[in-house]
C-alpha atoms as a PDB file:
ATOM      1  CA  MET A   1     -70.057 -39.967 -59.813  1.00  0.00           C
ATOM      2  CA  GLU A   2     -70.263 -42.376 -62.502  1.00  0.00           C
ATOM      3  CA  TYR A   3     -69.150 -42.024 -65.756  1.00  0.00           C
ATOM      4  CA  PRO A   4     -72.914 -42.283 -67.160  1.00  0.00           C
ATOM      5  CA  GLN A   5     -73.795 -39.671 -65.189  1.00  0.00           C
ATOM      6  CA  THR A   6     -71.025 -37.584 -66.662  1.00  0.00           C
ATOM      7  CA  LEU A   7     -71.697 -38.367 -70.030  1.00  0.00           C
ATOM      8  CA  VAL A   8     -75.050 -37.787 -70.031  1.00  0.00           C
ATOM      9  CA  PHE A   9     -74.419 -34.270 -68.436  1.00  0.00           C
ATOM     10  CA  ALA A  10     -71.973 -33.353 -71.172  1.00  0.00           C
ATOM     11  CA  LEU A  11     -74.355 -33.881 -73.704  1.00  0.00           C
ATOM     12  CA  ILE A  12     -77.408 -31.995 -71.667  1.00  0.00           C
ATOM     13  CA  VAL A  13     -74.452 -28.898 -71.786  1.00  0.00           C
ATOM     14  CA  ASP A  14     -74.007 -29.377 -75.314  1.00  0.00           C
ATOM     15  CA  LEU A  15     -77.222 -29.256 -76.409  1.00  0.00           C
ATOM     16  CA  ALA A  16     -77.871 -26.017 -74.203  1.00  0.00           C
ATOM     17  CA  GLY A  17     -75.133 -24.696 -75.680  1.00  0.00           C
ATOM     18  CA  LYS A  18     -76.099 -25.023 -79.191  1.00  0.00           C
ATOM     19  CA  ILE A  19     -79.690 -24.154 -78.252  1.00  0.00           C
ATOM     20  CA  VAL A  20     -78.583 -20.703 -77.196  1.00  0.00           C
ATOM     21  CA  GLY A  21     -76.448 -20.438 -79.970  1.00  0.00           C
ATOM     22  CA  ILE A  22     -72.714 -21.033 -78.859  1.00  0.00           C
ATOM     23  CA  LYS A  23     -70.927 -21.397 -81.220  1.00  0.00           C
ATOM     24  CA  PRO A  24     -67.712 -24.426 -81.686  1.00  0.00           C
ATOM     25  CA  GLY A  25     -64.639 -23.645 -80.542  1.00  0.00           C
ATOM     26  CA  LYS A  26     -62.242 -22.630 -77.970  1.00  0.00           C
ATOM     27  CA  HIS A  27     -64.645 -20.644 -75.881  1.00  0.00           C
ATOM     28  CA  TYR A  28     -67.364 -22.987 -76.334  1.00  0.00           C
ATOM     29  CA  ALA A  29     -64.847 -25.799 -75.113  1.00  0.00           C
ATOM     30  CA  LYS A  30     -64.256 -23.825 -72.057  1.00  0.00           C
ATOM     31  CA  VAL A  31     -67.951 -23.217 -71.244  1.00  0.00           C
ATOM     32  CA  LEU A  32     -68.504 -27.128 -71.056  1.00  0.00           C
ATOM     33  CA  LEU A  33     -65.139 -27.779 -68.991  1.00  0.00           C
ATOM     34  CA  ALA A  34     -66.553 -25.482 -66.600  1.00  0.00           C
ATOM     35  CA  ALA A  35     -69.786 -27.161 -66.154  1.00  0.00           C
ATOM     36  CA  LEU A  36     -68.254 -30.414 -66.275  1.00  0.00           C
ATOM     37  CA  LEU A  37     -66.005 -29.171 -63.580  1.00  0.00           C
ATOM     38  CA  LEU A  38     -68.822 -27.868 -60.954  1.00  0.00           C
ATOM     39  CA  PHE A  39     -70.962 -31.083 -61.946  1.00  0.00           C
ATOM     40  CA  THR A  40     -67.911 -33.784 -61.135  1.00  0.00           C
ATOM     41  CA  HIS A  41     -66.168 -31.715 -58.641  1.00  0.00           C
ATOM     42  CA  PRO A  42     -68.859 -29.640 -56.360  1.00  0.00           C
ATOM     43  CA  ALA A  43     -67.455 -27.022 -53.932  1.00  0.00           C
ATOM     44  CA  HIS A  44     -66.756 -29.093 -51.184  1.00  0.00           C
ATOM     45  CA  PRO A  45     -63.072 -27.539 -50.272  1.00  0.00           C
ATOM     46  CA  GLU A  46     -62.264 -29.942 -47.604  1.00  0.00           C
ATOM     47  CA  GLN A  47     -62.998 -33.389 -49.490  1.00  0.00           C
ATOM     48  CA  ASP A  48     -60.911 -36.290 -50.830  1.00  0.00           C
ATOM     49  CA  THR A  49     -58.840 -36.362 -54.165  1.00  0.00           C
ATOM     50  CA  GLN A  50     -56.338 -38.443 -53.251  1.00  0.00           C
ATOM     51  CA  LYS A  51     -57.040 -41.488 -55.460  1.00  0.00           C
ATOM     52  CA  THR A  52     -55.526 -44.878 -55.583  1.00  0.00           C
ATOM     53  CA  PHE A  53     -55.466 -46.981 -58.431  1.00  0.00           C
ATOM     54  CA  ASP A  54     -53.410 -49.618 -60.810  1.00  0.00           C
ATOM     55  CA  ASP A  55     -51.601 -47.554 -63.140  1.00  0.00           C
ATOM     56  CA  ASP A  56     -52.110 -50.099 -65.873  1.00  0.00           C
ATOM     57  CA  THR A  57     -56.224 -50.495 -65.653  1.00  0.00           C
ATOM     58  CA  GLN A  58     -58.492 -47.887 -67.823  1.00  0.00           C
ATOM     59  CA  HIS A  59     -60.477 -45.572 -65.333  1.00  0.00           C
ATOM     60  CA  ASP A  60     -62.493 -42.497 -65.486  1.00  0.00           C
ATOM     61  CA  TYR A  61     -60.953 -39.115 -65.118  1.00  0.00           C
ATOM     62  CA  ALA A  62     -62.990 -35.952 -63.797  1.00  0.00           C
ATOM     63  CA  LEU A  63     -61.427 -32.434 -64.128  1.00  0.00           C
ATOM     64  CA  VAL A  64     -60.859 -31.196 -60.638  1.00  0.00           C
ATOM     65  CA  TRP A  65     -59.256 -27.827 -61.677  1.00  0.00           C
ATOM     66  CA  ALA A  66     -57.953 -26.074 -64.819  1.00  0.00           C
ATOM     67  CA  ASP A  67     -56.727 -22.569 -65.573  1.00  0.00           C
ATOM     68  CA  GLU A  68     -57.959 -21.521 -68.983  1.00  0.00           C
ATOM     69  CA  PHE A  69     -56.510 -18.026 -68.995  1.00  0.00           C
ATOM     70  CA  ASP A  70     -59.112 -15.963 -70.535  1.00  0.00           C
ATOM     71  CA  GLN A  71     -60.872 -14.327 -66.988  1.00  0.00           C
ATOM     72  CA  GLU A  72     -60.520 -10.903 -66.196  1.00  0.00           C
ATOM     73  CA  THR A  73     -58.310 -10.999 -63.456  1.00  0.00           C
ATOM     74  CA  CYS A  74     -55.215 -13.019 -65.072  1.00  0.00           C
ATOM     75  CA  PRO A  75     -53.206 -14.682 -63.997  1.00  0.00           C
ATOM     76  CA  ASP A  76     -55.686 -15.634 -61.305  1.00  0.00           C
ATOM     77  CA  PRO A  77     -54.931 -15.218 -57.582  1.00  0.00           C
ATOM     78  CA  ARG A  78     -56.913 -17.967 -56.445  1.00  0.00           C
ATOM     79  CA  HIS A  79     -54.406 -20.271 -58.479  1.00  0.00           C
ATOM     80  CA  TRP A  80     -50.871 -18.752 -58.406  1.00  0.00           C
ATOM     81  CA  VAL A  81     -48.507 -17.203 -56.228  1.00  0.00           C
ATOM     82  CA  TYR A  82     -45.415 -15.284 -57.557  1.00  0.00           C
ATOM     83  CA  GLU A  83     -41.827 -15.917 -56.818  1.00  0.00           C
ATOM     84  CA  GLN A  84     -39.648 -12.663 -56.231  1.00  0.00           C
ATOM     85  CA  ASP A  85     -36.106 -11.974 -56.705  1.00  0.00           C
ATOM     86  CA  PHE A  86     -32.782 -13.865 -57.476  1.00  0.00           C
ATOM     87  CA  ILE A  87     -34.153 -17.652 -56.571  1.00  0.00           C
ATOM     88  CA  ARG A  88     -32.051 -20.504 -57.617  1.00  0.00           C
ATOM     89  CA  ASN A  89     -29.435 -22.159 -59.833  1.00  0.00           C
ATOM     90  CA  ARG A  90     -27.272 -18.256 -60.348  1.00  0.00           C
ATOM     91  CA  GLU A  91     -29.651 -17.559 -62.927  1.00  0.00           C
ATOM     92  CA  LEU A  92     -29.553 -14.552 -64.722  1.00  0.00           C
ATOM     93  CA  GLN A  93     -33.247 -12.857 -64.241  1.00  0.00           C
ATOM     94  CA  TRP A  94     -35.001 -11.065 -61.606  1.00  0.00           C
ATOM     95  CA  TYR A  95     -38.389 -12.878 -61.078  1.00  0.00           C
ATOM     96  CA  GLN A  96     -41.436 -10.369 -60.883  1.00  0.00           C
ATOM     97  CA  GLN A  97     -45.243 -10.319 -60.671  1.00  0.00           C
ATOM     98  CA  GLU A  98     -45.044  -7.561 -64.199  1.00  0.00           C
ATOM     99  CA  ASN A  99     -43.526 -10.211 -66.470  1.00  0.00           C
ATOM    100  CA  ALA A 100     -46.435 -12.471 -66.468  1.00  0.00           C
ATOM    101  CA  PHE A 101     -50.130 -11.535 -67.822  1.00  0.00           C
ATOM    102  CA  CYS A 102     -52.694 -12.755 -70.256  1.00  0.00           C
ATOM    103  CA  LYS A 103     -53.141 -11.929 -73.831  1.00  0.00           C
ATOM    104  CA  ASP A 104     -55.767 -13.071 -76.321  1.00  0.00           C
ATOM    105  CA  GLY A 105     -56.752 -16.272 -73.994  1.00  0.00           C
ATOM    106  CA  MET A 106     -52.860 -16.978 -73.425  1.00  0.00           C
ATOM    107  CA  LEU A 107     -50.807 -16.832 -70.193  1.00  0.00           C
ATOM    108  CA  VAL A 108     -47.976 -14.977 -71.408  1.00  0.00           C
ATOM    109  CA  ILE A 109     -44.735 -15.158 -69.417  1.00  0.00           C
ATOM    110  CA  GLU A 110     -41.872 -12.814 -70.452  1.00  0.00           C
ATOM    111  CA  ALA A 111     -38.547 -12.729 -70.317  1.00  0.00           C
ATOM    112  CA  ARG A 112     -36.950  -9.221 -70.954  1.00  0.00           C
ATOM    113  CA  ARG A 113     -33.395  -8.404 -71.410  1.00  0.00           C
ATOM    114  CA  GLU A 114     -33.747  -4.853 -69.197  1.00  0.00           C
ATOM    115  CA  ARG A 115     -31.397  -3.622 -66.532  1.00  0.00           C
ATOM    116  CA  LYS A 116     -33.043  -3.509 -62.656  1.00  0.00           C
ATOM    117  CA  ASP A 117     -31.154  -2.932 -59.453  1.00  0.00           C
ATOM    118  CA  ASN A 118     -30.864  -5.199 -56.830  1.00  0.00           C
ATOM    119  CA  PRO A 119     -32.404  -4.513 -53.412  1.00  0.00           C
ATOM    120  CA  ASP A 120     -30.874  -7.210 -51.918  1.00  0.00           C
ATOM    121  CA  PHE A 121     -27.341  -5.968 -52.877  1.00  0.00           C
ATOM    122  CA  VAL A 122     -24.532  -6.432 -50.290  1.00  0.00           C
ATOM    123  CA  VAL A 123     -21.034  -5.043 -51.170  1.00  0.00           C
ATOM    124  CA  ASP A 124     -18.411  -7.933 -50.873  1.00  0.00           C
ATOM    125  CA  SER A 125     -21.343 -10.635 -50.105  1.00  0.00           C
ATOM    126  CA  ALA A 126     -20.224 -14.209 -50.048  1.00  0.00           C
ATOM    127  CA  ARG A 127     -24.036 -14.876 -51.316  1.00  0.00           C
ATOM    128  CA  TRP A 128     -24.554 -14.776 -55.401  1.00  0.00           C
ATOM    129  CA  GLN A 129     -28.042 -13.411 -54.665  1.00  0.00           C
ATOM    130  CA  GLU A 130     -26.450 -10.328 -52.909  1.00  0.00           C
ATOM    131  CA  SER A 131     -23.369  -9.955 -54.946  1.00  0.00           C
ATOM    132  CA  ARG A 132     -25.011  -8.253 -57.842  1.00  0.00           C
ATOM    133  CA  ARG A 133     -25.967  -5.098 -58.061  1.00  0.00           C
ATOM    134  CA  PHE A 134     -28.153  -5.367 -61.417  1.00  0.00           C
ATOM    135  CA  ALA A 135     -30.172  -7.415 -62.986  1.00  0.00           C
ATOM    136  CA  GLU A 136     -29.740  -7.481 -66.544  1.00  0.00           C
ATOM    137  CA  TYR A 137     -33.290  -9.477 -67.308  1.00  0.00           C
ATOM    138  CA  THR A 138     -35.933  -9.816 -65.664  1.00  0.00           C
ATOM    139  CA  SER A 139     -38.834 -12.954 -66.154  1.00  0.00           C
ATOM    140  CA  ALA A 140     -41.317 -14.422 -63.511  1.00  0.00           C
ATOM    141  CA  SER A 141     -42.244 -17.597 -62.226  1.00  0.00           C
ATOM    142  CA  LEU A 142     -45.550 -18.894 -60.816  1.00  0.00           C
ATOM    143  CA  LYS A 143     -46.834 -21.438 -58.390  1.00  0.00           C
ATOM    144  CA  THR A 144     -49.893 -22.915 -56.625  1.00  0.00           C
ATOM    145  CA  GLN A 145     -48.258 -23.144 -53.353  1.00  0.00           C
ATOM    146  CA  GLY A 146     -50.288 -22.763 -50.311  1.00  0.00           C
ATOM    147  CA  LEU A 147     -53.006 -22.712 -53.018  1.00  0.00           C
ATOM    148  CA  TRP A 148     -53.359 -25.800 -54.392  1.00  0.00           C
ATOM    149  CA  SER A 149     -51.728 -29.270 -54.436  1.00  0.00           C
ATOM    150  CA  TRP A 150     -52.636 -32.870 -55.858  1.00  0.00           C
ATOM    151  CA  ARG A 151     -51.575 -36.027 -54.799  1.00  0.00           C
ATOM    152  CA  TYR A 152     -52.015 -38.273 -58.464  1.00  0.00           C
ATOM    153  CA  GLY A 153     -53.636 -37.731 -61.671  1.00  0.00           C
ATOM    154  CA  ARG A 154     -53.341 -36.069 -65.087  1.00  0.00           C
ATOM    155  CA  PHE A 155     -51.826 -33.243 -65.731  1.00  0.00           C
ATOM    156  CA  GLU A 156     -51.807 -31.545 -69.060  1.00  0.00           C
ATOM    157  CA  ILE A 157     -50.250 -27.992 -70.118  1.00  0.00           C
ATOM    158  CA  ARG A 158     -50.570 -26.696 -73.893  1.00  0.00           C
ATOM    159  CA  ALA A 159     -47.856 -24.717 -74.826  1.00  0.00           C
ATOM    160  CA  ARG A 160     -45.395 -22.824 -76.764  1.00  0.00           C
ATOM    161  CA  ILE A 161     -41.864 -22.839 -75.483  1.00  0.00           C
ATOM    162  CA  PRO A 162     -39.009 -20.600 -76.155  1.00  0.00           C
ATOM    163  CA  VAL A 163     -35.591 -22.524 -76.830  1.00  0.00           C
ATOM    164  CA  ASP A 164     -33.235 -19.994 -77.886  1.00  0.00           C
ATOM    165  CA  SER A 165     -29.941 -20.182 -76.361  1.00  0.00           C
ATOM    166  CA  GLY A 166     -29.838 -19.308 -72.851  1.00  0.00           C
ATOM    167  CA  LEU A 167     -33.760 -19.611 -71.707  1.00  0.00           C
ATOM    168  CA  TRP A 168     -34.827 -22.186 -69.880  1.00  0.00           C
ATOM    169  CA  PRO A 169     -38.635 -22.631 -69.205  1.00  0.00           C
ATOM    170  CA  VAL A 170     -40.009 -25.198 -66.988  1.00  0.00           C
ATOM    171  CA  PHE A 171     -43.234 -26.624 -66.107  1.00  0.00           C
ATOM    172  CA  TRP A 172     -42.789 -28.378 -62.611  1.00  0.00           C
ATOM    173  CA  THR A 173     -44.389 -29.917 -59.507  1.00  0.00           C
ATOM    174  CA  LEU A 174     -42.413 -29.538 -55.911  1.00  0.00           C
ATOM    175  CA  GLY A 175     -43.287 -31.811 -52.994  1.00  0.00           C
ATOM    176  CA  LYS A 176     -44.950 -30.469 -49.798  1.00  0.00           C
ATOM    177  CA  THR A 177     -43.155 -32.608 -47.216  1.00  0.00           C
ATOM    178  CA  GLY A 178     -39.779 -31.953 -46.511  1.00  0.00           C
ATOM    179  CA  GLN A 179     -36.950 -30.093 -48.162  1.00  0.00           C
ATOM    180  CA  TRP A 180     -35.390 -30.388 -51.224  1.00  0.00           C
ATOM    181  CA  PRO A 181     -34.623 -33.096 -53.064  1.00  0.00           C
ATOM    182  CA  ALA A 182     -36.134 -35.168 -50.500  1.00  0.00           C
ATOM    183  CA  SER A 183     -39.591 -33.793 -51.205  1.00  0.00           C
ATOM    184  CA  GLY A 184     -39.305 -34.531 -54.796  1.00  0.00           C
ATOM    185  CA  GLU A 185     -39.485 -32.964 -57.904  1.00  0.00           C
ATOM    186  CA  ILE A 186     -41.473 -33.655 -61.238  1.00  0.00           C
ATOM    187  CA  ASP A 187     -39.986 -31.781 -64.362  1.00  0.00           C
ATOM    188  CA  ILE A 188     -42.871 -32.096 -66.873  1.00  0.00           C
ATOM    189  CA  PHE A 189     -41.156 -30.459 -69.460  1.00  0.00           C
ATOM    190  CA  GLU A 190     -37.523 -28.432 -69.170  1.00  0.00           C
ATOM    191  CA  SER A 191     -36.107 -27.151 -71.917  1.00  0.00           C
ATOM    192  CA  TYR A 192     -32.268 -25.609 -72.321  1.00  0.00           C
ATOM    193  CA  ARG A 193     -29.145 -26.020 -74.431  1.00  0.00           C
ATOM    194  CA  GLY A 194     -31.003 -27.357 -77.557  1.00  0.00           C
ATOM    195  CA  LEU A 195     -32.329 -30.444 -75.495  1.00  0.00           C
ATOM    196  CA  LEU A 196     -36.074 -31.194 -74.257  1.00  0.00           C
ATOM    197  CA  LEU A 197     -36.379 -32.912 -70.710  1.00  0.00           C
ATOM    198  CA  ALA A 198     -38.661 -34.702 -68.647  1.00  0.00           C
ATOM    199  CA  ASN A 199     -37.356 -35.681 -65.319  1.00  0.00           C
ATOM    200  CA  ALA A 200     -37.940 -36.637 -61.485  1.00  0.00           C
ATOM    201  CA  ALA A 201     -35.639 -36.112 -58.631  1.00  0.00           C
ATOM    202  CA  TRP A 202     -35.837 -37.554 -55.264  1.00  0.00           C
ATOM    203  CA  GLY A 203     -33.476 -37.911 -52.103  1.00  0.00           C
ATOM    204  CA  GLY A 204     -30.797 -39.782 -53.426  1.00  0.00           C
ATOM    205  CA  ASP A 205     -28.156 -39.697 -50.257  1.00  0.00           C
ATOM    206  CA  ARG A 206     -28.416 -38.255 -46.849  1.00  0.00           C
ATOM    207  CA  ASP A 207     -25.776 -35.472 -47.990  1.00  0.00           C
ATOM    208  CA  GLY A 208     -28.497 -34.062 -49.764  1.00  0.00           C
ATOM    209  CA  ARG A 209     -27.239 -35.155 -53.216  1.00  0.00           C
ATOM    210  CA  PRO A 210     -30.821 -36.178 -55.394  1.00  0.00           C
ATOM    211  CA  GLY A 211     -31.534 -39.565 -57.279  1.00  0.00           C
ATOM    212  CA  TRP A 212     -32.637 -38.472 -60.546  1.00  0.00           C
ATOM    213  CA  SER A 213     -34.908 -40.273 -63.578  1.00  0.00           C
ATOM    214  CA  ILE A 214     -33.799 -38.471 -66.311  1.00  0.00           C
ATOM    215  CA  SER A 215     -35.014 -38.341 -69.999  1.00  0.00           C
ATOM    216  CA  GLN A 216     -33.477 -35.515 -72.656  1.00  0.00           C
ATOM    217  CA  ARG A 217     -33.896 -35.240 -76.153  1.00  0.00           C
ATOM    218  CA  PRO A 218     -32.662 -32.847 -78.661  1.00  0.00           C
ATOM    219  CA  VAL A 219     -35.358 -30.528 -80.041  1.00  0.00           C
ATOM    220  CA  ALA A 220     -34.359 -30.902 -83.566  1.00  0.00           C
ATOM    221  CA  GLY A 221     -35.123 -34.724 -83.512  1.00  0.00           C
ATOM    222  CA  PHE A 222     -39.108 -33.799 -83.163  1.00  0.00           C
ATOM    223  CA  GLY A 223     -38.875 -32.454 -86.601  1.00  0.00           C
ATOM    224  CA  ASN A 224     -38.939 -28.620 -88.427  1.00  0.00           C
ATOM    225  CA  ASN A 225     -41.054 -25.950 -87.271  1.00  0.00           C
ATOM    226  CA  TRP A 226     -41.681 -27.948 -84.177  1.00  0.00           C
ATOM    227  CA  THR A 227     -40.851 -25.182 -81.978  1.00  0.00           C
ATOM    228  CA  GLU A 228     -43.167 -22.667 -83.839  1.00  0.00           C
ATOM    229  CA  ALA A 229     -46.177 -24.316 -82.618  1.00  0.00           C
ATOM    230  CA  PHE A 230     -48.279 -25.344 -79.567  1.00  0.00           C
ATOM    231  CA  HIS A 231     -47.603 -28.857 -77.833  1.00  0.00           C
ATOM    232  CA  LEU A 232     -49.804 -30.886 -75.590  1.00  0.00           C
ATOM    233  CA  TRP A 233     -47.244 -32.075 -72.283  1.00  0.00           C
ATOM    234  CA  ARG A 234     -48.768 -34.762 -69.880  1.00  0.00           C
ATOM    235  CA  MET A 235     -47.766 -36.305 -66.534  1.00  0.00           C
ATOM    236  CA  ASP A 236     -50.055 -39.476 -65.488  1.00  0.00           C
ATOM    237  CA  TRP A 237     -49.037 -39.804 -62.088  1.00  0.00           C
ATOM    238  CA  SER A 238     -50.168 -43.449 -59.889  1.00  0.00           C
ATOM    239  CA  GLU A 239     -49.418 -44.687 -56.748  1.00  0.00           C
ATOM    240  CA  ALA A 240     -46.962 -47.022 -59.182  1.00  0.00           C
ATOM    241  CA  PHE A 241     -45.671 -44.871 -62.336  1.00  0.00           C
ATOM    242  CA  ILE A 242     -45.025 -41.492 -63.127  1.00  0.00           C
ATOM    243  CA  ARG A 243     -45.160 -41.546 -67.272  1.00  0.00           C
ATOM    244  CA  LEU A 244     -44.510 -38.255 -68.904  1.00  0.00           C
ATOM    245  CA  TYR A 245     -45.714 -37.539 -72.472  1.00  0.00           C
ATOM    246  CA  VAL A 246     -45.561 -34.616 -74.991  1.00  0.00           C
ATOM    247  CA  ASP A 247     -48.153 -34.847 -77.714  1.00  0.00           C
ATOM    248  CA  GLY A 248     -48.677 -38.935 -76.774  1.00  0.00           C
ATOM    249  CA  ARG A 249     -45.339 -39.815 -77.014  1.00  0.00           C
ATOM    250  CA  LEU A 250     -43.872 -41.226 -73.888  1.00  0.00           C
ATOM    251  CA  LEU A 251     -40.687 -39.228 -72.796  1.00  0.00           C
ATOM    252  CA  ASN A 252     -39.833 -40.829 -69.299  1.00  0.00           C
ATOM    253  CA  ALA A 253     -41.710 -43.504 -67.199  1.00  0.00           C
ATOM    254  CA  ILE A 254     -40.523 -43.724 -63.552  1.00  0.00           C
ATOM    255  CA  ASP A 255     -41.146 -46.619 -61.259  1.00  0.00           C
ATOM    256  CA  LEU A 256     -42.036 -45.418 -57.842  1.00  0.00           C
ATOM    257  CA  ARG A 257     -40.349 -48.398 -56.240  1.00  0.00           C
ATOM    258  CA  SER A 258     -37.043 -46.976 -57.316  1.00  0.00           C
ATOM    259  CA  THR A 259     -38.039 -43.283 -55.906  1.00  0.00           C
ATOM    260  CA  GLU A 260     -37.390 -43.929 -52.057  1.00  0.00           C
ATOM    261  CA  ASN A 261     -35.525 -41.240 -50.216  1.00  0.00           C
ATOM    262  CA  ALA A 262     -32.541 -42.265 -48.270  1.00  0.00           C
ATOM    263  CA  ALA A 263     -32.615 -43.572 -44.811  1.00  0.00           C
ATOM    264  CA  GLY A 264     -33.414 -40.923 -42.660  1.00  0.00           C
ATOM    265  CA  LEU A 265     -35.144 -38.771 -45.096  1.00  0.00           C
ATOM    266  CA  GLU A 266     -38.693 -37.603 -44.959  1.00  0.00           C
ATOM    267  CA  PRO A 267     -41.375 -38.380 -46.554  1.00  0.00           C
ATOM    268  CA  GLU A 268     -40.179 -41.910 -47.440  1.00  0.00           C
ATOM    269  CA  ASN A 269     -40.908 -41.335 -50.938  1.00  0.00           C
ATOM    270  CA  PRO A 270     -41.964 -38.431 -51.908  1.00  0.00           C
ATOM    271  CA  PHE A 271     -44.139 -39.347 -54.850  1.00  0.00           C
ATOM    272  CA  HIS A 272     -47.002 -40.674 -52.289  1.00  0.00           C
ATOM    273  CA  HIS A 273     -47.196 -36.988 -51.248  1.00  0.00           C
ATOM    274  CA  PRO A 274     -49.155 -34.140 -52.636  1.00  0.00           C
ATOM    275  CA  HIS A 275     -47.163 -31.810 -55.248  1.00  0.00           C
ATOM    276  CA  PHE A 276     -47.947 -27.878 -56.333  1.00  0.00           C
ATOM    277  CA  LEU A 277     -47.299 -26.583 -59.861  1.00  0.00           C
ATOM    278  CA  ALA A 278     -44.650 -24.363 -60.979  1.00  0.00           C
ATOM    279  CA  LEU A 279     -44.251 -22.511 -64.205  1.00  0.00           C
ATOM    280  CA  SER A 280     -41.721 -20.458 -64.438  1.00  0.00           C
ATOM    281  CA  LEU A 281     -38.935 -18.859 -67.473  1.00  0.00           C
ATOM    282  CA  ALA A 282     -35.401 -18.552 -66.691  1.00  0.00           C
ATOM    283  CA  VAL A 283     -32.642 -16.985 -68.099  1.00  0.00           C
ATOM    284  CA  GLY A 284     -28.891 -18.427 -68.349  1.00  0.00           C
ATOM    285  CA  GLY A 285     -27.804 -19.815 -64.719  1.00  0.00           C
ATOM    286  CA  ARG A 286     -26.021 -23.152 -64.347  1.00  0.00           C
ATOM    287  CA  LYS A 287     -27.938 -24.997 -67.286  1.00  0.00           C
ATOM    288  CA  GLY A 288     -29.581 -22.110 -68.980  1.00  0.00           C
ATOM    289  CA  GLY A 289     -26.514 -20.913 -71.305  1.00  0.00           C
ATOM    290  CA  ASP A 290     -25.397 -17.868 -72.867  1.00  0.00           C
ATOM    291  CA  PRO A 291     -28.469 -15.603 -73.762  1.00  0.00           C
ATOM    292  CA  SER A 292     -26.341 -12.661 -75.297  1.00  0.00           C
ATOM    293  CA  ARG A 293     -27.169 -13.178 -78.640  1.00  0.00           C
ATOM    294  CA  THR A 294     -30.829 -14.224 -78.121  1.00  0.00           C
ATOM    295  CA  ASN A 295     -33.605 -11.607 -78.944  1.00  0.00           C
ATOM    296  CA  PHE A 296     -35.628 -10.618 -76.726  1.00  0.00           C
ATOM    297  CA  PRO A 297     -38.472 -10.081 -75.317  1.00  0.00           C
ATOM    298  CA  ALA A 298     -38.592 -14.353 -75.091  1.00  0.00           C
ATOM    299  CA  ASN A 299     -41.993 -15.482 -74.453  1.00  0.00           C
ATOM    300  CA  LEU A 300     -43.423 -18.724 -72.918  1.00  0.00           C
ATOM    301  CA  GLU A 301     -47.163 -18.697 -74.183  1.00  0.00           C
ATOM    302  CA  VAL A 302     -49.750 -21.307 -72.521  1.00  0.00           C
ATOM    303  CA  ASP A 303     -53.413 -22.178 -73.422  1.00  0.00           C
ATOM    304  CA  TYR A 304     -54.228 -24.224 -70.996  1.00  0.00           C
ATOM    305  CA  ILE A 305     -53.158 -26.179 -67.889  1.00  0.00           C
ATOM    306  CA  ARG A 306     -55.756 -28.777 -66.392  1.00  0.00           C
ATOM    307  CA  VAL A 307     -55.492 -31.332 -63.476  1.00  0.00           C
ATOM    308  CA  TYR A 308     -58.060 -34.448 -63.384  1.00  0.00           C
ATOM    309  CA  GLN A 309     -58.198 -37.159 -61.168  1.00  0.00           C
ATOM    310  CA  ARG A 310     -59.837 -40.676 -61.049  1.00  0.00           C
ATOM    311  CA  LEU A 311     -63.181 -41.533 -60.148  1.00  0.00           C
ATOM    312  CA  LEU A 312     -62.385 -44.896 -58.089  1.00  0.00           C
ATOM    313  CA  LEU A 313     -62.893 -43.623 -54.145  1.00  0.00           C
ATOM    314  CA  PRO A 314     -65.941 -42.039 -52.602  1.00  0.00           C
ATOM    315  CA  ARG A 315     -65.183 -38.613 -51.909  1.00  0.00           C
ATOM    316  CA  SER A 316     -65.328 -38.686 -47.669  1.00  0.00           C
ATOM    317  CA  ALA A 317     -62.115 -38.610 -46.411  1.00  0.00           C
ATOM    318  CA  PRO A 318     -59.815 -35.349 -45.760  1.00  0.00           C
ATOM    319  CA  GLY A 319     -58.048 -34.103 -48.285  1.00  0.00           C
ATOM    320  CA  ASP A 320     -55.530 -31.414 -49.297  1.00  0.00           C
ATOM    321  CA  HIS A 321     -57.329 -30.150 -52.052  1.00  0.00           C
ATOM    322  CA  PRO A 322     -57.543 -26.570 -51.765  1.00  0.00           C
ATOM    323  CA  GLU A 323     -55.423 -25.441 -49.290  1.00  0.00           C
ATOM    324  CA  PRO A 324     -56.895 -23.562 -46.314  1.00  0.00           C
ATOM    325  CA  ARG A 325     -55.781 -19.939 -46.978  1.00  0.00           C
END
């Protein structure tokens, strides 16, 4: 697919929309995006979407996956699976599907202060997930694991994140290959204790300690009323670099020559392998802070998530997008 064809098709769709009377706006843009997606990425699920490119060279992007969160069934089960239970980091919330829903064309992940029985409770258990009789908070965590994954590309999310004490919103990726941290992790956004972070992790040593590239900035430094608005986060991921942005501002640039796993860990470099997406709103835990004085419910709101890949190689080699079910 060459860029001029994509441009011509976009103009045709634009003209057709005007003829049938679709007015400009968010839904008009979604019609155009959907048409472009069908045109640039036809329904051949086993075709390759793994591109190689020089990160410093300008190339054309094709939209290969998107969730606009305005469909009848939302969140879309073709895109997302849910975590259930106490999961990680000694967080206080019980993850459950009911806390993720769509409203007014947005995905809402809602953290609630509510007591829920822990069905896994075991008296005197040494495991923290079993030692709690109750969960005092609930929330949701969504993943594309087992459905969709990508290697390289441009990833965008337009969202409004809560930053009150005890809240821990994250939009991140995890590698399909190996065990964490050797499988790799990219935090496109993460926020807790008044900070905004953009990170990557890999297998730093054979004892399980991760290597990290961490960028953290005070949320207050982004200006007054920043938390009241929606913002656009972007990851540009190539064979050479991962670059993480918010509203066009570079937060972190990660040279992938420095992210090789320790000897003996697989894969050799987790950022040359496919990752899936994850989106969650945690409460408390090792880093989230104290939520006791925070007003609930608290919402993480997402307008859209989009994945693009560069148009360089013919789509002829076996790929992993989407994954077989």
